[in-house]
Each structure stands twice: as C-alpha cells, then as structure tokens.
Amino acid sequence: SDSVVAPPQILEMLARIAAEIGAKFTPSAWMIVEAGEIVGLCSVI
C-alpha cells in the first residue's frame, strides 16, 4: 500500500523475460507474498 513493487518499465521487462524463458522453462517468475501482500518479485532472468 505504501510503495510500488516495481516501476512499470521493470514489470514490462520482467514480463517479457518471463514469456521468453517460460517458452522453454517454467516456472520462471514468482511474486514474493507476505501476509497476503505482494512485497516483491523474483525471477529467472
């Protein structure tokens, strides 16, 4: 609620990378969730 998980350009880049890698290897990206809140992201890059 009080900050962004990632700026839009980073989300776009991570979505593109996840789509490319996901065609060959899954899972390739994860939300970091604590107490029901998305606090971060991690991914195969």
All heavy atoms as atom14 arrays in JSON, in Angstrom:
{
  "sequence": "SDSVVAPPQILEMLARIAAEIGAKFTPSAWMIVEAGEIVGLCSVI",
  "atom14_mask": [
    [1, 1, 1, 1, 1, 1, 0, 0, 0, 0, 0, 0, 0, 0],
    [1, 1, 1, 1, 1, 1, 1, 1, 0, 0, 0, 0, 0, 0],
    [1, 1, 1, 1, 1, 1, 0, 0, 0, 0, 0, 0, 0, 0],
    [1, 1, 1, 1, 1, 1, 1, 0, 0, 0, 0, 0, 0, 0],
    [1, 1, 1, 1, 1, 1, 1, 0, 0, 0, 0, 0, 0, 0],
    [1, 1, 1, 1, 1, 0, 0, 0, 0, 0, 0, 0, 0, 0],
    [1, 1, 1, 1, 1, 1, 1, 0, 0, 0, 0, 0, 0, 0],
    [1, 1, 1, 1, 1, 1, 1, 0, 0, 0, 0, 0, 0, 0],
    [1, 1, 1, 1, 1, 1, 1, 1, 1, 0, 0, 0, 0, 0],
    [1, 1, 1, 1, 1, 1, 1, 1, 0, 0, 0, 0, 0, 0],
    [1, 1, 1, 1, 1, 1, 1, 1, 0, 0, 0, 0, 0, 0],
    [1, 1, 1, 1, 1, 1, 1, 1, 1, 0, 0, 0, 0, 0],
    [1, 1, 1, 1, 1, 1, 1, 1, 0, 0, 0, 0, 0, 0],
    [1, 1, 1, 1, 1, 1, 1, 1, 0, 0, 0, 0, 0, 0],
    [1, 1, 1, 1, 1, 0, 0, 0, 0, 0, 0, 0, 0, 0],
    [1, 1, 1, 1, 1, 1, 1, 1, 1, 1, 1, 0, 0, 0],
    [1, 1, 1, 1, 1, 1, 1, 1, 0, 0, 0, 0, 0, 0],
    [1, 1, 1, 1, 1, 0, 0, 0, 0, 0, 0, 0, 0, 0],
    [1, 1, 1, 1, 1, 0, 0, 0, 0, 0, 0, 0, 0, 0],
    [1, 1, 1, 1, 1, 1, 1, 1, 1, 0, 0, 0, 0, 0],
    [1, 1, 1, 1, 1, 1, 1, 1, 0, 0, 0, 0, 0, 0],
    [1, 1, 1, 1, 0, 0, 0, 0, 0, 0, 0, 0, 0, 0],
    [1, 1, 1, 1, 1, 0, 0, 0, 0, 0, 0, 0, 0, 0],
    [1, 1, 1, 1, 1, 1, 1, 1, 1, 0, 0, 0, 0, 0],
    [1, 1, 1, 1, 1, 1, 1, 1, 1, 1, 1, 0, 0, 0],
    [1, 1, 1, 1, 1, 1, 1, 0, 0, 0, 0, 0, 0, 0],
    [1, 1, 1, 1, 1, 1, 1, 0, 0, 0, 0, 0, 0, 0],
    [1, 1, 1, 1, 1, 1, 0, 0, 0, 0, 0, 0, 0, 0],
    [1, 1, 1, 1, 1, 0, 0, 0, 0, 0, 0, 0, 0, 0],
    [1, 1, 1, 1, 1, 1, 1, 1, 1, 1, 1, 1, 1, 1],
    [1, 1, 1, 1, 1, 1, 1, 1, 0, 0, 0, 0, 0, 0],
    [1, 1, 1, 1, 1, 1, 1, 1, 0, 0, 0, 0, 0, 0],
    [1, 1, 1, 1, 1, 1, 1, 0, 0, 0, 0, 0, 0, 0],
    [1, 1, 1, 1, 1, 1, 1, 1, 1, 0, 0, 0, 0, 0],
    [1, 1, 1, 1, 1, 0, 0, 0, 0, 0, 0, 0, 0, 0],
    [1, 1, 1, 1, 0, 0, 0, 0, 0, 0, 0, 0, 0, 0],
    [1, 1, 1, 1, 1, 1, 1, 1, 1, 0, 0, 0, 0, 0],
    [1, 1, 1, 1, 1, 1, 1, 1, 0, 0, 0, 0, 0, 0],
    [1, 1, 1, 1, 1, 1, 1, 0, 0, 0, 0, 0, 0, 0],
    [1, 1, 1, 1, 0, 0, 0, 0, 0, 0, 0, 0, 0, 0],
    [1, 1, 1, 1, 1, 1, 1, 1, 0, 0, 0, 0, 0, 0],
    [1, 1, 1, 1, 1, 1, 0, 0, 0, 0, 0, 0, 0, 0],
    [1, 1, 1, 1, 1, 1, 0, 0, 0, 0, 0, 0, 0, 0],
    [1, 1, 1, 1, 1, 1, 1, 0, 0, 0, 0, 0, 0, 0],
    [1, 1, 1, 1, 1, 1, 1, 1, 0, 0, 0, 0, 0, 0]
  ],
  "atom14_positions": [
    [[0.8, -1.23, 0.0], [0.0, 0.0, 0.0], [0.83, 1.28, 0.0], [0.36, 2.31, -0.46], [-0.94, 0.0, 1.2], [-0.19, -0.12, 2.4], [0.0, 0.0, 0.0], [0.0, 0.0, 0.0], [0.0, 0.0, 0.0], [0.0, 0.0, 0.0], [0.0, 0.0, 0.0], [0.0, 0.0, 0.0], [0.0, 0.0, 0.0], [0.0, 0.0, 0.0]],
    [[2.06, 1.2, 0.48], [2.81, 2.45, 0.64], [3.99, 2.61, -0.31], [4.78, 3.52, -0.16], [3.28, 2.59, 2.09], [4.06, 1.38, 2.57], [4.15, 0.39, 1.81], [4.59, 1.43, 3.68], [0.0, 0.0, 0.0], [0.0, 0.0, 0.0], [0.0, 0.0, 0.0], [0.0, 0.0, 0.0], [0.0, 0.0, 0.0], [0.0, 0.0, 0.0]],
    [[4.12, 1.74, -1.3], [5.16, 1.91, -2.33], [4.86, 0.94, -3.46], [3.95, 0.14, -3.37], [6.56, 1.66, -1.74], [6.7, 0.34, -1.3], [0.0, 0.0, 0.0], [0.0, 0.0, 0.0], [0.0, 0.0, 0.0], [0.0, 0.0, 0.0], [0.0, 0.0, 0.0], [0.0, 0.0, 0.0], [0.0, 0.0, 0.0], [0.0, 0.0, 0.0]],
    [[5.63, 1.03, -4.52], [5.4, 0.14, -5.67], [6.29, -1.09, -5.56], [7.39, -1.02, -5.03], [5.66, 0.85, -7.02], [4.67, 1.98, -7.23], [7.08, 1.37, -7.1], [0.0, 0.0, 0.0], [0.0, 0.0, 0.0], [0.0, 0.0, 0.0], [0.0, 0.0, 0.0], [0.0, 0.0, 0.0], [0.0, 0.0, 0.0], [0.0, 0.0, 0.0]],
    [[5.78, -2.22, -6.06], [6.57, -3.45, -6.08], [7.71, -3.29, -7.08], [8.84, -3.65, -6.8], [5.69, -4.67, -6.43], [6.54, -5.9, -6.64], [4.67, -4.9, -5.34], [0.0, 0.0, 0.0], [0.0, 0.0, 0.0], [0.0, 0.0, 0.0], [0.0, 0.0, 0.0], [0.0, 0.0, 0.0], [0.0, 0.0, 0.0], [0.0, 0.0, 0.0]],
    [[7.4, -2.72, -8.24], [8.4, -2.44, -9.27], [7.82, -1.4, -10.2], [6.61, -1.39, -10.46], [8.73, -3.71, -10.04], [0.0, 0.0, 0.0], [0.0, 0.0, 0.0], [0.0, 0.0, 0.0], [0.0, 0.0, 0.0], [0.0, 0.0, 0.0], [0.0, 0.0, 0.0], [0.0, 0.0, 0.0], [0.0, 0.0, 0.0], [0.0, 0.0, 0.0]],
    [[8.66, -0.49, -10.71], [8.17, 0.5, -11.67], [7.64, -0.18, -12.94], [8.08, -1.3, -13.27], [9.41, 1.34, -12.0], [10.42, 1.02, -10.95], [10.08, -0.36, -10.43], [0.0, 0.0, 0.0], [0.0, 0.0, 0.0], [0.0, 0.0, 0.0], [0.0, 0.0, 0.0], [0.0, 0.0, 0.0], [0.0, 0.0, 0.0], [0.0, 0.0, 0.0]],
    [[6.71, 0.45, -13.66], [6.11, -0.17, -14.86], [7.14, -0.68, -15.86], [6.97, -1.78, -16.41], [5.26, 0.96, -15.46], [4.94, 1.84, -14.31], [6.13, 1.75, -13.38], [0.0, 0.0, 0.0], [0.0, 0.0, 0.0], [0.0, 0.0, 0.0], [0.0, 0.0, 0.0], [0.0, 0.0, 0.0], [0.0, 0.0, 0.0], [0.0, 0.0, 0.0]],
    [[8.21, 0.07, -16.11], [9.2, -0.38, -17.1], [9.91, -1.66, -16.65], [10.24, -2.51, -17.47], [10.2, 0.73, -17.46], [11.11, 1.18, -16.34], [10.53, 2.31, -15.5], [9.32, 2.49, -15.39], [11.4, 3.1, -14.87], [0.0, 0.0, 0.0], [0.0, 0.0, 0.0], [0.0, 0.0, 0.0], [0.0, 0.0, 0.0], [0.0, 0.0, 0.0]],
    [[10.1, -1.82, -15.34], [10.7, -3.06, -14.82], [9.71, -4.21, -14.95], [10.07, -5.31, -15.37], [11.16, -2.88, -13.35], [12.23, -1.79, -13.24], [11.66, -4.2, -12.77], [13.54, -2.08, -13.95], [0.0, 0.0, 0.0], [0.0, 0.0, 0.0], [0.0, 0.0, 0.0], [0.0, 0.0, 0.0], [0.0, 0.0, 0.0], [0.0, 0.0, 0.0]],
    [[8.44, -3.96, -14.6], [7.41, -5.0, -14.77], [7.32, -5.45, -16.22], [7.22, -6.65, -16.5], [6.04, -4.48, -14.31], [5.74, -4.54, -12.83], [4.4, -3.87, -12.55], [5.76, -5.96, -12.3], [0.0, 0.0, 0.0], [0.0, 0.0, 0.0], [0.0, 0.0, 0.0], [0.0, 0.0, 0.0], [0.0, 0.0, 0.0], [0.0, 0.0, 0.0]],
    [[7.35, -4.49, -17.15], [7.29, -4.83, -18.59], [8.48, -5.68, -18.99], [8.33, -6.67, -19.71], [7.23, -3.55, -19.43], [5.9, -2.83, -19.32], [5.92, -1.44, -19.94], [6.95, -1.04, -20.53], [4.89, -0.74, -19.81], [0.0, 0.0, 0.0], [0.0, 0.0, 0.0], [0.0, 0.0, 0.0], [0.0, 0.0, 0.0], [0.0, 0.0, 0.0]],
    [[9.67, -5.3, -18.54], [10.88, -6.06, -18.86], [10.78, -7.47, -18.28], [11.07, -8.45, -18.96], [12.11, -5.35, -18.32], [13.41, -6.13, -18.55], [14.79, -5.49, -17.58], [14.32, -5.97, -15.92], [0.0, 0.0, 0.0], [0.0, 0.0, 0.0], [0.0, 0.0, 0.0], [0.0, 0.0, 0.0], [0.0, 0.0, 0.0], [0.0, 0.0, 0.0]],
    [[10.36, -7.6, -17.01], [10.26, -8.91, -16.38], [9.2, -9.78, -17.06], [9.39, -10.98, -17.22], [9.95, -8.76, -14.89], [11.1, -8.19, -14.04], [10.62, -7.93, -12.61], [12.32, -9.08, -14.06], [0.0, 0.0, 0.0], [0.0, 0.0, 0.0], [0.0, 0.0, 0.0], [0.0, 0.0, 0.0], [0.0, 0.0, 0.0], [0.0, 0.0, 0.0]],
    [[8.08, -9.18, -17.48], [7.04, -9.92, -18.19], [7.58, -10.46, -19.5], [7.31, -11.61, -19.88], [5.81, -9.03, -18.42], [0.0, 0.0, 0.0], [0.0, 0.0, 0.0], [0.0, 0.0, 0.0], [0.0, 0.0, 0.0], [0.0, 0.0, 0.0], [0.0, 0.0, 0.0], [0.0, 0.0, 0.0], [0.0, 0.0, 0.0], [0.0, 0.0, 0.0]],
    [[8.35, -9.63, -20.22], [8.94, -10.05, -21.5], [9.94, -11.19, -21.28], [9.9, -12.2, -21.98], [9.62, -8.84, -22.15], [10.09, -9.09, -23.57], [10.68, -7.84, -24.21], [11.88, -7.36, -23.51], [11.93, -6.28, -22.73], [10.87, -5.53, -22.55], [13.04, -5.92, -22.15], [0.0, 0.0, 0.0], [0.0, 0.0, 0.0], [0.0, 0.0, 0.0]],
    [[10.8, -11.05, -20.28], [11.79, -12.1, -19.99], [11.07, -13.39, -19.58], [11.42, -14.48, -20.03], [12.77, -11.63, -18.89], [13.67, -10.52, -19.43], [13.6, -12.8, -18.36], [14.51, -9.83, -18.36], [0.0, 0.0, 0.0], [0.0, 0.0, 0.0], [0.0, 0.0, 0.0], [0.0, 0.0, 0.0], [0.0, 0.0, 0.0], [0.0, 0.0, 0.0]],
    [[10.04, -13.27, -18.71], [9.3, -14.45, -18.26], [8.64, -15.16, -19.44], [8.6, -16.4, -19.48], [8.26, -14.05, -17.21], [0.0, 0.0, 0.0], [0.0, 0.0, 0.0], [0.0, 0.0, 0.0], [0.0, 0.0, 0.0], [0.0, 0.0, 0.0], [0.0, 0.0, 0.0], [0.0, 0.0, 0.0], [0.0, 0.0, 0.0], [0.0, 0.0, 0.0]],
    [[8.12, -14.41, -20.39], [7.47, -15.01, -21.57], [8.51, -15.76, -22.41], [8.26, -16.88, -22.87], [6.76, -13.95, -22.4], [0.0, 0.0, 0.0], [0.0, 0.0, 0.0], [0.0, 0.0, 0.0], [0.0, 0.0, 0.0], [0.0, 0.0, 0.0], [0.0, 0.0, 0.0], [0.0, 0.0, 0.0], [0.0, 0.0, 0.0], [0.0, 0.0, 0.0]],
    [[9.68, -15.13, -22.6], [10.74, -15.77, -23.41], [11.25, -17.03, -22.73], [11.35, -18.09, -23.35], [11.9, -14.8, -23.62], [11.57, -13.65, -24.54], [12.63, -12.54, -24.53], [13.72, -12.73, -23.93], [12.36, -11.48, -25.09], [0.0, 0.0, 0.0], [0.0, 0.0, 0.0], [0.0, 0.0, 0.0], [0.0, 0.0, 0.0], [0.0, 0.0, 0.0]],
    [[11.57, -16.94, -21.46], [12.11, -18.09, -20.73], [11.01, -19.14, -20.52], [11.25, -20.33, -20.65], [12.73, -17.64, -19.4], [13.99, -16.81, -19.69], [13.07, -18.85, -18.52], [14.59, -16.13, -18.5], [0.0, 0.0, 0.0], [0.0, 0.0, 0.0], [0.0, 0.0, 0.0], [0.0, 0.0, 0.0], [0.0, 0.0, 0.0], [0.0, 0.0, 0.0]],
    [[9.8, -18.67, -20.22], [8.68, -19.57, -19.97], [8.34, -20.47, -21.14], [7.74, -21.53, -20.96], [0.0, 0.0, 0.0], [0.0, 0.0, 0.0], [0.0, 0.0, 0.0], [0.0, 0.0, 0.0], [0.0, 0.0, 0.0], [0.0, 0.0, 0.0], [0.0, 0.0, 0.0], [0.0, 0.0, 0.0], [0.0, 0.0, 0.0], [0.0, 0.0, 0.0]],
    [[8.73, -20.08, -22.34], [8.5, -20.93, -23.51], [9.38, -22.19, -23.44], [9.06, -23.21, -24.06], [8.81, -20.15, -24.79], [0.0, 0.0, 0.0], [0.0, 0.0, 0.0], [0.0, 0.0, 0.0], [0.0, 0.0, 0.0], [0.0, 0.0, 0.0], [0.0, 0.0, 0.0], [0.0, 0.0, 0.0], [0.0, 0.0, 0.0], [0.0, 0.0, 0.0]],
    [[10.47, -22.12, -22.67], [11.41, -23.24, -22.58], [11.51, -23.82, -21.18], [11.91, -24.96, -20.99], [12.8, -22.79, -23.01], [12.87, -22.29, -24.44], [14.25, -21.73, -24.73], [14.31, -21.02, -26.04], [14.02, -19.6, -25.96], [0.0, 0.0, 0.0], [0.0, 0.0, 0.0], [0.0, 0.0, 0.0], [0.0, 0.0, 0.0], [0.0, 0.0, 0.0]],
    [[11.21, -23.01, -20.16], [11.44, -23.42, -18.78], [10.42, -22.74, -17.86], [10.33, -21.5, -17.85], [12.86, -22.99, -18.35], [13.27, -23.49, -16.99], [14.0, -24.65, -16.86], [12.94, -22.78, -15.84], [14.39, -25.11, -15.61], [13.32, -23.23, -14.59], [14.05, -24.4, -14.47], [0.0, 0.0, 0.0], [0.0, 0.0, 0.0], [0.0, 0.0, 0.0]],
    [[9.65, -23.53, -17.14], [8.73, -22.96, -16.16], [8.84, -23.74, -14.85], [9.22, -24.9, -14.87], [7.26, -23.03, -16.65], [6.91, -24.38, -16.87], [7.04, -22.2, -17.88], [0.0, 0.0, 0.0], [0.0, 0.0, 0.0], [0.0, 0.0, 0.0], [0.0, 0.0, 0.0], [0.0, 0.0, 0.0], [0.0, 0.0, 0.0], [0.0, 0.0, 0.0]],
    [[8.56, -23.09, -13.75], [8.19, -21.68, -13.63], [9.41, -20.79, -13.85], [10.54, -21.24, -13.7], [7.67, -21.57, -12.19], [8.38, -22.66, -11.45], [8.58, -23.77, -12.43], [0.0, 0.0, 0.0], [0.0, 0.0, 0.0], [0.0, 0.0, 0.0], [0.0, 0.0, 0.0], [0.0, 0.0, 0.0], [0.0, 0.0, 0.0], [0.0, 0.0, 0.0]],
    [[9.14, -19.54, -14.19], [10.26, -18.62, -14.43], [10.12, -17.3, -13.67], [11.03, -16.48, -13.71], [10.43, -18.34, -15.92], [9.27, -17.74, -16.45], [0.0, 0.0, 0.0], [0.0, 0.0, 0.0], [0.0, 0.0, 0.0], [0.0, 0.0, 0.0], [0.0, 0.0, 0.0], [0.0, 0.0, 0.0], [0.0, 0.0, 0.0], [0.0, 0.0, 0.0]],
    [[8.99, -17.09, -12.99], [8.82, -15.85, -12.22], [7.86, -16.1, -11.05], [6.94, -16.92, -11.17], [8.28, -14.74, -13.11], [0.0, 0.0, 0.0], [0.0, 0.0, 0.0], [0.0, 0.0, 0.0], [0.0, 0.0, 0.0], [0.0, 0.0, 0.0], [0.0, 0.0, 0.0], [0.0, 0.0, 0.0], [0.0, 0.0, 0.0], [0.0, 0.0, 0.0]],
    [[8.1, -15.41, -9.96], [7.31, -15.57, -8.75], [7.03, -14.22, -8.1], [7.85, -13.31, -8.15], [8.05, -16.42, -7.71], [8.37, -17.8, -8.16], [7.64, -18.93, -7.91], [9.5, -18.24, -8.93], [8.25, -20.03, -8.49], [9.4, -19.63, -9.11], [10.6, -17.57, -9.49], [10.34, -20.37, -9.81], [11.53, -18.3, -10.2], [11.39, -19.7, -10.36]],
    [[5.88, -14.13, -7.45], [5.58, -12.99, -6.58], [6.14, -13.36, -5.2], [6.07, -14.52, -4.79], [4.08, -12.79, -6.42], [3.35, -12.43, -7.67], [1.56, -12.28, -7.38], [1.06, -14.01, -7.35], [0.0, 0.0, 0.0], [0.0, 0.0, 0.0], [0.0, 0.0, 0.0], [0.0, 0.0, 0.0], [0.0, 0.0, 0.0], [0.0, 0.0, 0.0]],
    [[6.67, -12.38, -4.51], [7.06, -12.56, -3.11], [5.89, -12.01, -2.31], [5.58, -10.81, -2.4], [8.37, -11.82, -2.78], [9.51, -12.32, -3.67], [8.7, -11.99, -1.3], [10.8, -11.51, -3.55], [0.0, 0.0, 0.0], [0.0, 0.0, 0.0], [0.0, 0.0, 0.0], [0.0, 0.0, 0.0], [0.0, 0.0, 0.0], [0.0, 0.0, 0.0]],
    [[5.21, -12.88, -1.58], [3.98, -12.51, -0.88], [4.17, -12.73, 0.61], [4.63, -13.8, 1.04], [2.78, -13.33, -1.4], [1.51, -12.98, -0.63], [2.59, -13.11, -2.89], [0.0, 0.0, 0.0], [0.0, 0.0, 0.0], [0.0, 0.0, 0.0], [0.0, 0.0, 0.0], [0.0, 0.0, 0.0], [0.0, 0.0, 0.0], [0.0, 0.0, 0.0]],
    [[3.83, -11.71, 1.38], [3.88, -11.83, 2.83], [2.59, -11.26, 3.4], [2.21, -10.14, 3.03], [5.11, -11.08, 3.36], [5.52, -11.58, 4.72], [6.96, -11.25, 5.03], [7.28, -10.07, 5.23], [7.77, -12.19, 5.08], [0.0, 0.0, 0.0], [0.0, 0.0, 0.0], [0.0, 0.0, 0.0], [0.0, 0.0, 0.0], [0.0, 0.0, 0.0]],
    [[1.93, -12.04, 4.24], [0.65, -11.64, 4.84], [-0.34, -11.19, 3.76], [-1.07, -10.22, 3.94], [0.87, -10.54, 5.88], [0.0, 0.0, 0.0], [0.0, 0.0, 0.0], [0.0, 0.0, 0.0], [0.0, 0.0, 0.0], [0.0, 0.0, 0.0], [0.0, 0.0, 0.0], [0.0, 0.0, 0.0], [0.0, 0.0, 0.0], [0.0, 0.0, 0.0]],
    [[-0.35, -11.9, 2.64], [-1.29, -11.61, 1.56], [-0.92, -10.43, 0.69], [-1.64, -10.09, -0.25], [0.0, 0.0, 0.0], [0.0, 0.0, 0.0], [0.0, 0.0, 0.0], [0.0, 0.0, 0.0], [0.0, 0.0, 0.0], [0.0, 0.0, 0.0], [0.0, 0.0, 0.0], [0.0, 0.0, 0.0], [0.0, 0.0, 0.0], [0.0, 0.0, 0.0]],
    [[0.2, -9.81, 0.96], [0.61, -8.6, 0.25], [1.78, -8.93, -0.68], [2.74, -9.57, -0.26], [1.04, -7.56, 1.29], [1.17, -6.17, 0.8], [1.4, -5.2, 1.96], [2.32, -5.42, 2.76], [0.66, -4.23, 2.03], [0.0, 0.0, 0.0], [0.0, 0.0, 0.0], [0.0, 0.0, 0.0], [0.0, 0.0, 0.0], [0.0, 0.0, 0.0]],
    [[1.7, -8.49, -1.94], [2.82, -8.67, -2.87], [3.89, -7.65, -2.5], [3.7, -6.45, -2.66], [2.38, -8.46, -4.34], [1.24, -9.41, -4.7], [3.58, -8.68, -5.28], [0.59, -9.09, -6.04], [0.0, 0.0, 0.0], [0.0, 0.0, 0.0], [0.0, 0.0, 0.0], [0.0, 0.0, 0.0], [0.0, 0.0, 0.0], [0.0, 0.0, 0.0]],
    [[5.0, -8.14, -1.96], [6.06, -7.24, -1.49], [7.25, -7.21, -2.43], [8.14, -6.37, -2.28], [6.51, -7.59, -0.05], [5.36, -7.45, 0.93], [7.12, -8.99, 0.02], [0.0, 0.0, 0.0], [0.0, 0.0, 0.0], [0.0, 0.0, 0.0], [0.0, 0.0, 0.0], [0.0, 0.0, 0.0], [0.0, 0.0, 0.0], [0.0, 0.0, 0.0]],
    [[7.29, -8.13, -3.4], [8.41, -8.14, -4.32], [8.22, -9.19, -5.4], [7.18, -9.85, -5.49], [0.0, 0.0, 0.0], [0.0, 0.0, 0.0], [0.0, 0.0, 0.0], [0.0, 0.0, 0.0], [0.0, 0.0, 0.0], [0.0, 0.0, 0.0], [0.0, 0.0, 0.0], [0.0, 0.0, 0.0], [0.0, 0.0, 0.0], [0.0, 0.0, 0.0]],
    [[9.26, -9.32, -6.22], [9.26, -10.26, -7.33], [10.62, -10.95, -7.4], [11.64, -10.35, -7.05], [9.02, -9.53, -8.65], [7.74, -8.7, -8.76], [7.77, -7.84, -10.02], [6.51, -9.59, -8.73], [0.0, 0.0, 0.0], [0.0, 0.0, 0.0], [0.0, 0.0, 0.0], [0.0, 0.0, 0.0], [0.0, 0.0, 0.0], [0.0, 0.0, 0.0]],
    [[10.62, -12.19, -7.85], [11.89, -12.85, -8.17], [11.67, -13.66, -9.44], [10.55, -14.09, -9.72], [12.42, -13.7, -7.02], [11.37, -15.01, -6.41], [0.0, 0.0, 0.0], [0.0, 0.0, 0.0], [0.0, 0.0, 0.0], [0.0, 0.0, 0.0], [0.0, 0.0, 0.0], [0.0, 0.0, 0.0], [0.0, 0.0, 0.0], [0.0, 0.0, 0.0]],
    [[12.72, -13.8, -10.23], [12.55, -14.5, -11.49], [13.86, -15.05, -12.02], [14.94, -14.66, -11.6], [11.92, -13.56, -12.53], [12.72, -12.42, -12.74], [0.0, 0.0, 0.0], [0.0, 0.0, 0.0], [0.0, 0.0, 0.0], [0.0, 0.0, 0.0], [0.0, 0.0, 0.0], [0.0, 0.0, 0.0], [0.0, 0.0, 0.0], [0.0, 0.0, 0.0]],
    [[13.7, -15.99, -12.94], [14.82, -16.49, -13.73], [15.02, -15.42, -14.81], [14.07, -15.06, -15.49], [14.49, -17.86, -14.35], [15.63, -18.33, -15.25], [14.17, -18.88, -13.26], [0.0, 0.0, 0.0], [0.0, 0.0, 0.0], [0.0, 0.0, 0.0], [0.0, 0.0, 0.0], [0.0, 0.0, 0.0], [0.0, 0.0, 0.0], [0.0, 0.0, 0.0]],
    [[16.22, -14.89, -14.94], [16.4, -13.76, -15.85], [17.23, -14.09, -17.09], [17.45, -13.22, -17.92], [16.96, -12.52, -15.13], [18.3, -12.81, -14.47], [15.95, -12.01, -14.11], [18.98, -11.57, -13.92], [0.0, 0.0, 0.0], [0.0, 0.0, 0.0], [0.0, 0.0, 0.0], [0.0, 0.0, 0.0], [0.0, 0.0, 0.0], [0.0, 0.0, 0.0]]
  ]
}
